[in-house]
Amino acid sequence: MRVADLGIIALFAGFATWRTGGLVWMTWWWSWLVLGLWLAHGWWFSRHGNWLAAGAVWVQQDKNWVNTYELTKIRFTVSGLNRVLKLTDSSGRNIYGLVIRDVQSNQPMWDLVYNGILHSVASGDCDISDKARSVLKVPADLGRPPT
């Protein structure tokens, strides 16, 4: 369960207690329905969220994976509030929505992914957009000039 879900439940309970002047809201069936549905929502999303894994030369998101040392294309985009990478490797495998914050929240995982990105860019075979280069802080003199 995410902290945000627990926070929303706490806000609901606090507001209901304040509004009714006590804990009388706990006797109403619909308040338990709302709390139960929100708990189910939090549980489901915690079990079915974004699955990430990384190894020495790969990163996987859900069922898609790429070889980070053989990247041929790196693009940056924004999806909602998330900064997202689109990665393509030399075998044509793609990850279209790698949320940077999710990978960076696990430092060892980020180290593996970022080292692979730097290696791919340095090889000269990787087309990295200017925005991706800027966001990832890839040195301008690394790899081929931007297209």
N, C-alpha and C. Protein backbone atom coordinates (compact mmCIF):
# COMPACT_ATOMS: atom_id res chain seq x y z
N MET A 1 0.85 -1.17 0.00
CA MET A 1 0.00 0.00 0.00
C MET A 1 0.89 1.23 0.00
N ARG A 2 0.54 2.18 -0.83
CA ARG A 2 1.31 3.41 -0.93
C ARG A 2 0.98 4.35 0.23
N VAL A 3 1.94 5.19 0.57
CA VAL A 3 1.76 6.16 1.65
C VAL A 3 0.62 7.11 1.30
N ALA A 4 0.49 7.45 0.02
CA ALA A 4 -0.58 8.36 -0.39
C ALA A 4 -1.96 7.77 -0.10
N ASP A 5 -2.12 6.47 -0.29
CA ASP A 5 -3.41 5.82 0.01
C ASP A 5 -3.72 5.90 1.50
N LEU A 6 -2.72 5.63 2.31
CA LEU A 6 -2.93 5.72 3.76
C LEU A 6 -3.23 7.15 4.17
N GLY A 7 -2.58 8.11 3.53
CA GLY A 7 -2.84 9.52 3.82
C GLY A 7 -4.26 9.92 3.48
N ILE A 8 -4.77 9.45 2.36
CA ILE A 8 -6.14 9.78 1.95
C ILE A 8 -7.14 9.16 2.93
N ILE A 9 -6.87 7.95 3.36
CA ILE A 9 -7.76 7.31 4.34
C ILE A 9 -7.74 8.10 5.65
N ALA A 10 -6.56 8.53 6.08
CA ALA A 10 -6.45 9.32 7.31
C ALA A 10 -7.18 10.66 7.17
N LEU A 11 -7.06 11.30 6.00
CA LEU A 11 -7.77 12.56 5.77
C LEU A 11 -9.28 12.35 5.81
N PHE A 12 -9.74 11.27 5.19
CA PHE A 12 -11.18 10.95 5.21
C PHE A 12 -11.66 10.78 6.65
N ALA A 13 -10.92 9.98 7.42
CA ALA A 13 -11.32 9.71 8.81
C ALA A 13 -11.27 11.00 9.64
N GLY A 14 -10.24 11.79 9.44
CA GLY A 14 -10.12 13.06 10.19
C GLY A 14 -11.21 14.03 9.84
N PHE A 15 -11.51 14.16 8.54
CA PHE A 15 -12.57 15.07 8.12
C PHE A 15 -13.93 14.60 8.64
N ALA A 16 -14.18 13.29 8.52
CA ALA A 16 -15.47 12.76 9.00
C ALA A 16 -15.61 12.95 10.51
N THR A 17 -14.55 12.76 11.25
CA THR A 17 -14.59 12.96 12.71
C THR A 17 -14.84 14.42 13.04
N TRP A 18 -14.14 15.31 12.36
CA TRP A 18 -14.34 16.75 12.58
C TRP A 18 -15.75 17.18 12.19
N ARG A 19 -16.23 16.73 11.04
CA ARG A 19 -17.53 17.15 10.52
C ARG A 19 -18.69 16.68 11.40
N THR A 20 -18.58 15.45 11.91
CA THR A 20 -19.68 14.90 12.73
C THR A 20 -19.49 15.21 14.21
N GLY A 21 -18.35 15.77 14.58
CA GLY A 21 -18.11 16.11 15.97
C GLY A 21 -17.76 14.91 16.83
N GLY A 22 -17.37 13.84 16.22
CA GLY A 22 -16.99 12.63 16.97
C GLY A 22 -16.85 11.45 16.03
N LEU A 23 -16.98 10.28 16.58
CA LEU A 23 -16.79 9.06 15.79
C LEU A 23 -18.10 8.44 15.32
N VAL A 24 -19.16 9.24 15.29
CA VAL A 24 -20.45 8.71 14.86
C VAL A 24 -20.41 8.22 13.41
N TRP A 25 -19.53 8.79 12.61
CA TRP A 25 -19.43 8.38 11.21
C TRP A 25 -19.06 6.90 11.08
N MET A 26 -18.47 6.34 12.13
CA MET A 26 -18.08 4.94 12.08
C MET A 26 -19.27 4.00 12.14
N THR A 27 -20.46 4.52 12.48
CA THR A 27 -21.66 3.70 12.51
C THR A 27 -22.39 3.70 11.17
N TRP A 28 -21.96 4.52 10.25
CA TRP A 28 -22.60 4.61 8.94
C TRP A 28 -22.00 3.57 7.99
N TRP A 29 -22.85 2.78 7.36
CA TRP A 29 -22.37 1.71 6.50
C TRP A 29 -21.60 2.25 5.30
N TRP A 30 -22.02 3.38 4.73
CA TRP A 30 -21.38 3.89 3.51
C TRP A 30 -19.95 4.38 3.78
N SER A 31 -19.65 4.82 5.02
CA SER A 31 -18.29 5.25 5.32
C SER A 31 -17.34 4.06 5.28
N TRP A 32 -17.81 2.90 5.75
CA TRP A 32 -16.98 1.70 5.68
C TRP A 32 -16.82 1.21 4.25
N LEU A 33 -17.85 1.43 3.44
CA LEU A 33 -17.77 1.08 2.02
C LEU A 33 -16.69 1.93 1.34
N VAL A 34 -16.70 3.23 1.61
CA VAL A 34 -15.70 4.12 1.02
C VAL A 34 -14.29 3.71 1.46
N LEU A 35 -14.11 3.48 2.75
CA LEU A 35 -12.80 3.06 3.25
C LEU A 35 -12.37 1.72 2.66
N GLY A 36 -13.29 0.79 2.58
CA GLY A 36 -12.98 -0.52 2.01
C GLY A 36 -12.59 -0.44 0.54
N LEU A 37 -13.32 0.37 -0.21
CA LEU A 37 -12.98 0.53 -1.63
C LEU A 37 -11.62 1.18 -1.80
N TRP A 38 -11.33 2.18 -0.97
CA TRP A 38 -10.02 2.84 -1.09
C TRP A 38 -8.89 1.89 -0.68
N LEU A 39 -9.12 1.07 0.35
CA LEU A 39 -8.11 0.07 0.73
C LEU A 39 -7.90 -0.93 -0.40
N ALA A 40 -8.98 -1.37 -1.04
CA ALA A 40 -8.87 -2.30 -2.17
C ALA A 40 -8.10 -1.66 -3.32
N HIS A 41 -8.39 -0.40 -3.57
CA HIS A 41 -7.68 0.35 -4.62
C HIS A 41 -6.18 0.39 -4.32
N GLY A 42 -5.81 0.74 -3.10
CA GLY A 42 -4.41 0.80 -2.72
C GLY A 42 -3.73 -0.55 -2.80
N TRP A 43 -4.41 -1.59 -2.35
CA TRP A 43 -3.84 -2.93 -2.40
C TRP A 43 -3.63 -3.37 -3.84
N TRP A 44 -4.61 -3.16 -4.70
CA TRP A 44 -4.51 -3.59 -6.10
C TRP A 44 -3.35 -2.88 -6.80
N PHE A 45 -3.23 -1.56 -6.62
CA PHE A 45 -2.17 -0.83 -7.29
C PHE A 45 -0.79 -1.17 -6.72
N SER A 46 -0.72 -1.52 -5.46
CA SER A 46 0.57 -1.91 -4.92
C SER A 46 1.02 -3.26 -5.46
N ARG A 47 0.08 -4.09 -5.87
CA ARG A 47 0.40 -5.41 -6.43
C ARG A 47 0.57 -5.39 -7.94
N HIS A 48 -0.04 -4.43 -8.61
CA HIS A 48 -0.04 -4.41 -10.07
C HIS A 48 0.62 -3.15 -10.63
N GLY A 49 1.53 -2.59 -9.90
CA GLY A 49 2.21 -1.39 -10.36
C GLY A 49 3.31 -1.72 -11.35
N ASN A 50 4.18 -0.79 -11.51
CA ASN A 50 5.29 -0.90 -12.43
C ASN A 50 6.35 -1.83 -11.84
N TRP A 51 6.70 -2.91 -12.54
CA TRP A 51 7.70 -3.85 -12.05
C TRP A 51 9.00 -3.54 -12.76
N LEU A 52 10.06 -3.32 -11.99
CA LEU A 52 11.37 -2.99 -12.55
C LEU A 52 12.42 -3.94 -12.02
N ALA A 53 13.37 -4.25 -12.91
CA ALA A 53 14.54 -5.04 -12.52
C ALA A 53 15.68 -4.64 -13.43
N ALA A 54 16.91 -4.83 -12.95
CA ALA A 54 18.07 -4.52 -13.78
C ALA A 54 19.18 -5.49 -13.44
N GLY A 55 19.99 -5.76 -14.45
CA GLY A 55 21.17 -6.59 -14.28
C GLY A 55 22.37 -5.84 -14.82
N ALA A 56 23.47 -6.54 -14.97
CA ALA A 56 24.70 -5.90 -15.40
C ALA A 56 24.57 -5.23 -16.77
N VAL A 57 23.78 -5.80 -17.67
CA VAL A 57 23.68 -5.23 -19.02
C VAL A 57 22.24 -5.07 -19.50
N TRP A 58 21.27 -5.11 -18.61
CA TRP A 58 19.88 -5.02 -19.04
C TRP A 58 19.03 -4.31 -17.99
N VAL A 59 17.89 -3.81 -18.46
CA VAL A 59 16.86 -3.27 -17.58
C VAL A 59 15.53 -3.80 -18.08
N GLN A 60 14.66 -4.15 -17.16
CA GLN A 60 13.36 -4.71 -17.51
C GLN A 60 12.26 -3.94 -16.81
N GLN A 61 11.22 -3.64 -17.58
CA GLN A 61 10.02 -3.02 -17.02
C GLN A 61 8.85 -3.89 -17.42
N ASP A 62 8.17 -4.41 -16.43
CA ASP A 62 7.10 -5.38 -16.66
C ASP A 62 7.66 -6.52 -17.53
N LYS A 63 7.14 -6.72 -18.75
CA LYS A 63 7.63 -7.82 -19.60
C LYS A 63 8.59 -7.35 -20.69
N ASN A 64 8.85 -6.06 -20.75
CA ASN A 64 9.76 -5.52 -21.76
C ASN A 64 11.14 -5.29 -21.17
N TRP A 65 12.17 -5.58 -21.97
CA TRP A 65 13.53 -5.36 -21.50
C TRP A 65 14.40 -4.93 -22.67
N VAL A 66 15.50 -4.25 -22.33
CA VAL A 66 16.48 -3.83 -23.32
C VAL A 66 17.88 -4.08 -22.77
N ASN A 67 18.83 -4.26 -23.69
CA ASN A 67 20.23 -4.36 -23.33
C ASN A 67 20.76 -2.94 -23.22
N THR A 68 21.11 -2.51 -22.04
CA THR A 68 21.52 -1.12 -21.83
C THR A 68 22.88 -0.82 -22.44
N TYR A 69 23.67 -1.83 -22.75
CA TYR A 69 24.98 -1.61 -23.37
C TYR A 69 24.90 -1.64 -24.89
N GLU A 70 23.70 -1.86 -25.44
CA GLU A 70 23.52 -1.87 -26.89
C GLU A 70 22.35 -0.98 -27.30
N LEU A 71 22.15 0.12 -26.59
CA LEU A 71 21.06 1.03 -26.92
C LEU A 71 21.37 1.75 -28.22
N THR A 72 20.35 1.88 -29.06
CA THR A 72 20.52 2.60 -30.33
C THR A 72 19.72 3.89 -30.35
N LYS A 73 18.77 4.02 -29.44
CA LYS A 73 17.94 5.22 -29.41
C LYS A 73 17.48 5.49 -27.99
N ILE A 74 17.67 6.74 -27.56
CA ILE A 74 17.20 7.17 -26.24
C ILE A 74 16.43 8.47 -26.44
N ARG A 75 15.20 8.48 -25.98
CA ARG A 75 14.36 9.67 -26.06
C ARG A 75 13.80 9.97 -24.69
N PHE A 76 13.53 11.25 -24.48
CA PHE A 76 12.94 11.72 -23.23
C PHE A 76 11.57 12.30 -23.53
N THR A 77 10.63 12.04 -22.64
CA THR A 77 9.31 12.63 -22.76
C THR A 77 8.74 12.81 -21.35
N VAL A 78 7.61 13.46 -21.29
CA VAL A 78 6.91 13.64 -20.03
C VAL A 78 5.54 12.99 -20.17
N SER A 79 5.17 12.19 -19.18
CA SER A 79 3.87 11.54 -19.16
C SER A 79 3.21 11.90 -17.83
N GLY A 80 2.26 12.81 -17.89
CA GLY A 80 1.64 13.30 -16.66
C GLY A 80 2.67 14.07 -15.86
N LEU A 81 2.93 13.62 -14.64
CA LEU A 81 3.94 14.25 -13.80
C LEU A 81 5.27 13.51 -13.84
N ASN A 82 5.37 12.49 -14.69
CA ASN A 82 6.56 11.65 -14.73
C ASN A 82 7.49 12.01 -15.88
N ARG A 83 8.79 12.02 -15.58
CA ARG A 83 9.81 12.14 -16.61
C ARG A 83 10.12 10.72 -17.06
N VAL A 84 10.03 10.49 -18.37
CA VAL A 84 10.03 9.13 -18.91
C VAL A 84 11.09 8.99 -20.00
N LEU A 85 11.75 7.82 -20.01
CA LEU A 85 12.69 7.49 -21.08
C LEU A 85 12.06 6.47 -22.01
N LYS A 86 12.37 6.62 -23.30
CA LYS A 86 12.01 5.63 -24.31
C LYS A 86 13.33 5.06 -24.81
N LEU A 87 13.53 3.77 -24.61
CA LEU A 87 14.79 3.12 -24.94
C LEU A 87 14.59 2.06 -26.02
N THR A 88 15.51 1.99 -26.98
CA THR A 88 15.51 0.95 -28.01
C THR A 88 16.92 0.40 -28.10
N ASP A 89 17.03 -0.94 -28.17
CA ASP A 89 18.37 -1.53 -28.29
C ASP A 89 18.61 -2.07 -29.70
N SER A 90 19.80 -2.61 -29.92
CA SER A 90 20.21 -3.04 -31.26
C SER A 90 19.40 -4.23 -31.77
N SER A 91 18.72 -4.95 -30.91
CA SER A 91 17.88 -6.07 -31.33
C SER A 91 16.44 -5.65 -31.59
N GLY A 92 16.16 -4.36 -31.46
CA GLY A 92 14.81 -3.85 -31.71
C GLY A 92 13.88 -3.91 -30.51
N ARG A 93 14.39 -4.33 -29.36
CA ARG A 93 13.56 -4.37 -28.16
C ARG A 93 13.36 -2.94 -27.65
N ASN A 94 12.19 -2.69 -27.06
CA ASN A 94 11.84 -1.33 -26.61
C ASN A 94 11.30 -1.33 -25.19
N ILE A 95 11.56 -0.25 -24.52
CA ILE A 95 10.85 0.12 -23.30
C ILE A 95 10.36 1.53 -23.57
N TYR A 96 9.04 1.73 -23.55
CA TYR A 96 8.47 3.02 -23.93
C TYR A 96 8.16 3.93 -22.77
N GLY A 97 8.16 3.44 -21.56
CA GLY A 97 7.74 4.30 -20.46
C GLY A 97 8.54 4.09 -19.19
N LEU A 98 9.86 4.13 -19.27
CA LEU A 98 10.70 3.94 -18.09
C LEU A 98 10.72 5.23 -17.28
N VAL A 99 10.00 5.23 -16.17
CA VAL A 99 9.90 6.43 -15.33
C VAL A 99 11.23 6.61 -14.59
N ILE A 100 11.88 7.72 -14.86
CA ILE A 100 13.21 7.98 -14.31
C ILE A 100 13.21 7.93 -12.79
N ARG A 101 12.22 8.55 -12.17
CA ARG A 101 12.15 8.59 -10.71
C ARG A 101 12.09 7.18 -10.11
N ASP A 102 11.35 6.28 -10.75
CA ASP A 102 11.23 4.91 -10.23
C ASP A 102 12.57 4.19 -10.25
N VAL A 103 13.35 4.39 -11.31
CA VAL A 103 14.66 3.73 -11.40
C VAL A 103 15.64 4.40 -10.45
N GLN A 104 15.62 5.72 -10.38
CA GLN A 104 16.57 6.43 -9.52
C GLN A 104 16.30 6.22 -8.03
N SER A 105 15.10 5.80 -7.68
CA SER A 105 14.79 5.58 -6.26
C SER A 105 15.54 4.38 -5.70
N ASN A 106 16.07 3.53 -6.58
CA ASN A 106 16.90 2.40 -6.17
C ASN A 106 18.30 2.66 -6.72
N GLN A 107 19.19 3.17 -5.88
CA GLN A 107 20.51 3.63 -6.34
C GLN A 107 21.32 2.54 -7.06
N PRO A 108 21.40 1.32 -6.54
CA PRO A 108 22.16 0.30 -7.28
C PRO A 108 21.55 0.02 -8.67
N MET A 109 20.22 0.02 -8.76
CA MET A 109 19.58 -0.19 -10.06
C MET A 109 19.91 0.97 -11.00
N TRP A 110 19.82 2.20 -10.48
CA TRP A 110 20.12 3.36 -11.31
C TRP A 110 21.57 3.32 -11.79
N ASP A 111 22.50 2.92 -10.94
CA ASP A 111 23.90 2.82 -11.33
C ASP A 111 24.06 1.86 -12.52
N LEU A 112 23.39 0.71 -12.46
CA LEU A 112 23.48 -0.26 -13.56
C LEU A 112 22.91 0.33 -14.86
N VAL A 113 21.75 0.94 -14.77
CA VAL A 113 21.10 1.49 -15.96
C VAL A 113 21.90 2.66 -16.53
N TYR A 114 22.32 3.56 -15.67
CA TYR A 114 23.04 4.76 -16.13
C TYR A 114 24.40 4.39 -16.74
N ASN A 115 25.10 3.44 -16.14
CA ASN A 115 26.37 3.00 -16.74
C ASN A 115 26.16 2.42 -18.12
N GLY A 116 25.09 1.65 -18.30
CA GLY A 116 24.78 1.12 -19.63
C GLY A 116 24.45 2.21 -20.61
N ILE A 117 23.69 3.22 -20.17
CA ILE A 117 23.36 4.35 -21.04
C ILE A 117 24.63 5.08 -21.47
N LEU A 118 25.51 5.37 -20.51
CA LEU A 118 26.76 6.06 -20.84
C LEU A 118 27.60 5.24 -21.81
N HIS A 119 27.68 3.94 -21.62
CA HIS A 119 28.45 3.08 -22.51
C HIS A 119 27.86 3.10 -23.92
N SER A 120 26.54 3.02 -24.01
CA SER A 120 25.90 3.04 -25.32
C SER A 120 26.15 4.35 -26.05
N VAL A 121 26.03 5.46 -25.33
CA VAL A 121 26.26 6.77 -25.94
C VAL A 121 27.73 6.90 -26.36
N ALA A 122 28.64 6.46 -25.52
CA ALA A 122 30.07 6.56 -25.83
C ALA A 122 30.46 5.72 -27.04
N SER A 123 29.73 4.65 -27.29
CA SER A 123 30.06 3.78 -28.43
C SER A 123 29.86 4.49 -29.77
N GLY A 124 29.04 5.53 -29.78
CA GLY A 124 28.77 6.25 -31.02
C GLY A 124 27.63 5.67 -31.83
N ASP A 125 27.08 4.55 -31.40
CA ASP A 125 25.98 3.90 -32.13
C ASP A 125 24.62 4.26 -31.57
N CYS A 126 24.56 5.14 -30.59
CA CYS A 126 23.31 5.47 -29.92
C CYS A 126 22.87 6.89 -30.29
N ASP A 127 21.65 7.00 -30.77
CA ASP A 127 21.05 8.29 -31.09
C ASP A 127 20.30 8.77 -29.85
N ILE A 128 20.87 9.75 -29.16
CA ILE A 128 20.25 10.28 -27.94
C ILE A 128 19.78 11.70 -28.23
N SER A 129 18.55 12.00 -27.88
CA SER A 129 18.01 13.34 -28.12
C SER A 129 18.69 14.35 -27.20
N ASP A 130 18.68 15.60 -27.64
CA ASP A 130 19.28 16.67 -26.83
C ASP A 130 18.63 16.75 -25.45
N LYS A 131 17.32 16.60 -25.41
CA LYS A 131 16.60 16.69 -24.14
C LYS A 131 16.99 15.54 -23.21
N ALA A 132 17.09 14.32 -23.77
CA ALA A 132 17.50 13.17 -22.96
C ALA A 132 18.92 13.36 -22.45
N ARG A 133 19.79 13.88 -23.30
CA ARG A 133 21.17 14.14 -22.90
C ARG A 133 21.22 15.14 -21.75
N SER A 134 20.39 16.18 -21.84
CA SER A 134 20.35 17.20 -20.81
C SER A 134 19.79 16.66 -19.49
N VAL A 135 18.67 15.96 -19.56
CA VAL A 135 18.01 15.44 -18.36
C VAL A 135 18.89 14.40 -17.66
N LEU A 136 19.55 13.55 -18.45
CA LEU A 136 20.40 12.50 -17.88
C LEU A 136 21.80 13.00 -17.55
N LYS A 137 22.08 14.25 -17.91
CA LYS A 137 23.40 14.84 -17.65
C LYS A 137 24.53 14.04 -18.29
N VAL A 138 24.27 13.62 -19.54
CA VAL A 138 25.30 12.94 -20.32
C VAL A 138 26.21 14.01 -20.91
N PRO A 139 27.51 13.92 -20.72
CA PRO A 139 28.41 14.95 -21.23
C PRO A 139 28.23 15.17 -22.73
N ALA A 140 28.28 16.44 -23.14
CA ALA A 140 28.05 16.80 -24.54
C ALA A 140 29.09 16.22 -25.47
N ASP A 141 30.31 16.01 -24.98
CA ASP A 141 31.37 15.50 -25.85
C ASP A 141 31.41 13.98 -25.92
N LEU A 142 30.47 13.32 -25.27
CA LEU A 142 30.43 11.86 -25.27
C LEU A 142 29.60 11.35 -26.44
N GLY A 143 30.14 10.48 -27.25
CA GLY A 143 29.41 9.89 -28.37
C GLY A 143 29.38 10.80 -29.57
N ARG A 144 28.50 10.45 -30.49
CA ARG A 144 28.39 11.24 -31.72
C ARG A 144 27.61 12.51 -31.47
N PRO A 145 27.80 13.53 -32.33
CA PRO A 145 27.05 14.78 -32.15
C PRO A 145 25.55 14.54 -32.30
N PRO A 146 24.74 15.32 -31.60
CA PRO A 146 23.28 15.13 -31.68
C PRO A 146 22.77 15.40 -33.09
N THR A 147 21.68 14.71 -33.43
CA THR A 147 21.07 14.90 -34.76
C THR A 147 19.85 15.76 -34.67
